[in-house]
Amino acid sequence: GGETFHDSKIVCALSEFLRGRDWVEVTTPRQINEACSAIVRHSGVSLQKLNKKLKKGSWRDKLTNFVLLYPSMFELKVRESTFLVRLRDDAPETPPEAAL
């Protein structure tokens, strides 16, 4: 359905944002905002849709929970109260379900 379609667009957008960078911090509102804006820009999924699509909680929860859904694509590292995310070195070019 449309769900996975949005998912794969968000996954691709997030990979674009992270590609070529090392660990990216998503701890402060500014950092989280930067990541979300990038997702919106690359995916064309509006912030409202993104908000609905990603489960409850703060934007940080939304982002980190989404990242955890795709362990083959992303890595999440939490140190004390710092949240770091990166694209896996061996991440497939296309998200698993986008290949269907």
C-alpha atoms as a PDB file:
ATOM      1  CA  GLY A   1       0.000   0.000   0.000  1.00  0.00           C
ATOM      2  CA  GLY A   2       0.928   3.665   0.259  1.00  0.00           C
ATOM      3  CA  GLU A   3       2.587   3.069   3.625  1.00  0.00           C
ATOM      4  CA  THR A   4       5.661   1.242   2.389  1.00  0.00           C
ATOM      5  CA  PHE A   5       5.836   3.664  -0.499  1.00  0.00           C
ATOM      6  CA  HIS A   6       6.276   6.531   1.940  1.00  0.00           C
ATOM      7  CA  ASP A   7       8.642   4.446   4.002  1.00  0.00           C
ATOM      8  CA  SER A   8      10.981   3.785   1.145  1.00  0.00           C
ATOM      9  CA  LYS A   9      10.931   7.453   0.131  1.00  0.00           C
ATOM     10  CA  ILE A  10      11.826   8.435   3.697  1.00  0.00           C
ATOM     11  CA  VAL A  11      14.555   5.795   3.856  1.00  0.00           C
ATOM     12  CA  CYS A  12      16.045   7.049   0.580  1.00  0.00           C
ATOM     13  CA  ALA A  13      15.868  10.650   1.766  1.00  0.00           C
ATOM     14  CA  LEU A  14      17.560   9.807   5.035  1.00  0.00           C
ATOM     15  CA  SER A  15      20.304   7.916   3.202  1.00  0.00           C
ATOM     16  CA  GLU A  16      20.852  10.950   0.980  1.00  0.00           C
ATOM     17  CA  PHE A  17      21.184  13.115   4.061  1.00  0.00           C
ATOM     18  CA  LEU A  18      23.658  10.740   5.722  1.00  0.00           C
ATOM     19  CA  ARG A  19      25.611   9.582   2.683  1.00  0.00           C
ATOM     20  CA  GLY A  20      29.259  10.575   2.734  1.00  0.00           C
ATOM     21  CA  ARG A  21      29.092  11.729   6.326  1.00  0.00           C
ATOM     22  CA  ASP A  22      30.235  10.013   9.462  1.00  0.00           C
ATOM     23  CA  TRP A  23      28.051   9.830  12.569  1.00  0.00           C
ATOM     24  CA  VAL A  24      25.449  12.589  12.452  1.00  0.00           C
ATOM     25  CA  GLU A  25      24.113  13.815  15.766  1.00  0.00           C
ATOM     26  CA  VAL A  26      20.352  14.134  16.224  1.00  0.00           C
ATOM     27  CA  THR A  27      20.233  15.325  19.814  1.00  0.00           C
ATOM     28  CA  THR A  28      19.383  19.032  19.834  1.00  0.00           C
ATOM     29  CA  PRO A  29      16.234  20.502  18.281  1.00  0.00           C
ATOM     30  CA  ARG A  30      18.424  22.214  15.666  1.00  0.00           C
ATOM     31  CA  GLN A  31      20.078  18.952  14.612  1.00  0.00           C
ATOM     32  CA  ILE A  32      16.756  17.132  14.551  1.00  0.00           C
ATOM     33  CA  ASN A  33      15.244  19.951  12.524  1.00  0.00           C
ATOM     34  CA  GLU A  34      18.115  19.718  10.034  1.00  0.00           C
ATOM     35  CA  ALA A  35      17.553  15.994   9.572  1.00  0.00           C
ATOM     36  CA  CYS A  36      13.780  16.383   9.211  1.00  0.00           C
ATOM     37  CA  SER A  37      14.125  19.218   6.691  1.00  0.00           C
ATOM     38  CA  ALA A  38      16.499  17.087   4.654  1.00  0.00           C
ATOM     39  CA  ILE A  39      14.024  14.197   4.689  1.00  0.00           C
ATOM     40  CA  VAL A  40      11.209  16.483   3.563  1.00  0.00           C
ATOM     41  CA  ARG A  41      13.399  18.026   0.862  1.00  0.00           C
ATOM     42  CA  HIS A  42      14.699  14.732  -0.554  1.00  0.00           C
ATOM     43  CA  SER A  43      11.516  12.675  -0.212  1.00  0.00           C
ATOM     44  CA  GLY A  44       8.831  15.189  -1.085  1.00  0.00           C
ATOM     45  CA  VAL A  45       6.859  13.841   1.894  1.00  0.00           C
ATOM     46  CA  SER A  46       5.445  16.814   3.805  1.00  0.00           C
ATOM     47  CA  LEU A  47       6.292  17.430   7.444  1.00  0.00           C
ATOM     48  CA  GLN A  48       2.659  16.752   8.389  1.00  0.00           C
ATOM     49  CA  LYS A  49       2.732  13.394   6.598  1.00  0.00           C
ATOM     50  CA  LEU A  50       6.060  12.620   8.186  1.00  0.00           C
ATOM     51  CA  ASN A  51       4.633  13.467  11.579  1.00  0.00           C
ATOM     52  CA  LYS A  52       1.686  11.117  11.038  1.00  0.00           C
ATOM     53  CA  LYS A  53       3.825   8.421   9.465  1.00  0.00           C
ATOM     54  CA  LEU A  54       6.381   8.257  12.258  1.00  0.00           C
ATOM     55  CA  LYS A  55       5.002   6.979  15.519  1.00  0.00           C
ATOM     56  CA  LYS A  56       4.281   8.909  18.681  1.00  0.00           C
ATOM     57  CA  GLY A  57       6.799  10.768  20.768  1.00  0.00           C
ATOM     58  CA  SER A  58       9.167  13.626  20.199  1.00  0.00           C
ATOM     59  CA  TRP A  59      10.783  14.156  16.813  1.00  0.00           C
ATOM     60  CA  ARG A  60      13.924  12.605  18.232  1.00  0.00           C
ATOM     61  CA  ASP A  61      11.932   9.479  19.161  1.00  0.00           C
ATOM     62  CA  LYS A  62      10.377   9.458  15.720  1.00  0.00           C
ATOM     63  CA  LEU A  63      13.736   9.636  13.992  1.00  0.00           C
ATOM     64  CA  THR A  64      15.535   7.131  16.166  1.00  0.00           C
ATOM     65  CA  ASN A  65      12.626   4.658  16.040  1.00  0.00           C
ATOM     66  CA  PHE A  66      12.482   4.931  12.272  1.00  0.00           C
ATOM     67  CA  VAL A  67      16.215   4.317  12.010  1.00  0.00           C
ATOM     68  CA  LEU A  68      15.862   1.192  14.142  1.00  0.00           C
ATOM     69  CA  LEU A  69      13.310  -0.245  11.704  1.00  0.00           C
ATOM     70  CA  TYR A  70      16.012  -0.469   9.040  1.00  0.00           C
ATOM     71  CA  PRO A  71      19.080  -2.033  10.636  1.00  0.00           C
ATOM     72  CA  SER A  72      20.435  -3.026   7.232  1.00  0.00           C
ATOM     73  CA  MET A  73      20.514   0.643   6.230  1.00  0.00           C
ATOM     74  CA  PHE A  74      21.282   2.662   9.339  1.00  0.00           C
ATOM     75  CA  GLU A  75      23.152   2.446  12.601  1.00  0.00           C
ATOM     76  CA  LEU A  76      22.103   4.231  15.754  1.00  0.00           C
ATOM     77  CA  LYS A  77      24.429   4.944  18.628  1.00  0.00           C
ATOM     78  CA  VAL A  78      23.234   6.358  21.936  1.00  0.00           C
ATOM     79  CA  ARG A  79      25.832   7.621  24.356  1.00  0.00           C
ATOM     80  CA  GLU A  80      24.528   9.106  27.582  1.00  0.00           C
ATOM     81  CA  SER A  81      22.093  11.629  26.153  1.00  0.00           C
ATOM     82  CA  THR A  82      23.667  11.929  22.711  1.00  0.00           C
ATOM     83  CA  PHE A  83      21.970  10.351  19.708  1.00  0.00           C
ATOM     84  CA  LEU A  84      24.056   9.549  16.660  1.00  0.00           C
ATOM     85  CA  VAL A  85      22.990   8.016  13.394  1.00  0.00           C
ATOM     86  CA  ARG A  86      24.823   6.998  10.267  1.00  0.00           C
ATOM     87  CA  LEU A  87      24.404   5.172   7.021  1.00  0.00           C
ATOM     88  CA  ARG A  88      25.934   1.697   7.200  1.00  0.00           C
ATOM     89  CA  ASP A  89      29.024   1.195   5.085  1.00  0.00           C
ATOM     90  CA  ASP A  90      27.416  -1.854   3.550  1.00  0.00           C
ATOM     91  CA  ALA A  91      23.959  -0.336   3.159  1.00  0.00           C
ATOM     92  CA  PRO A  92      22.222  -1.484  -0.014  1.00  0.00           C
ATOM     93  CA  GLU A  93      21.779   1.214  -2.648  1.00  0.00           C
ATOM     94  CA  THR A  94      17.998   0.841  -2.472  1.00  0.00           C
ATOM     95  CA  PRO A  95      16.043   0.124   0.683  1.00  0.00           C
ATOM     96  CA  PRO A  96      14.944  -3.523   0.938  1.00  0.00           C
ATOM     97  CA  GLU A  97      11.239  -2.956   0.290  1.00  0.00           C
ATOM     98  CA  ALA A  98      11.770  -0.339  -2.401  1.00  0.00           C
ATOM     99  CA  ALA A  99      13.141  -3.112  -4.613  1.00  0.00           C
ATOM    100  CA  LEU A 100       9.756  -4.856  -4.810  1.00  0.00           C
END
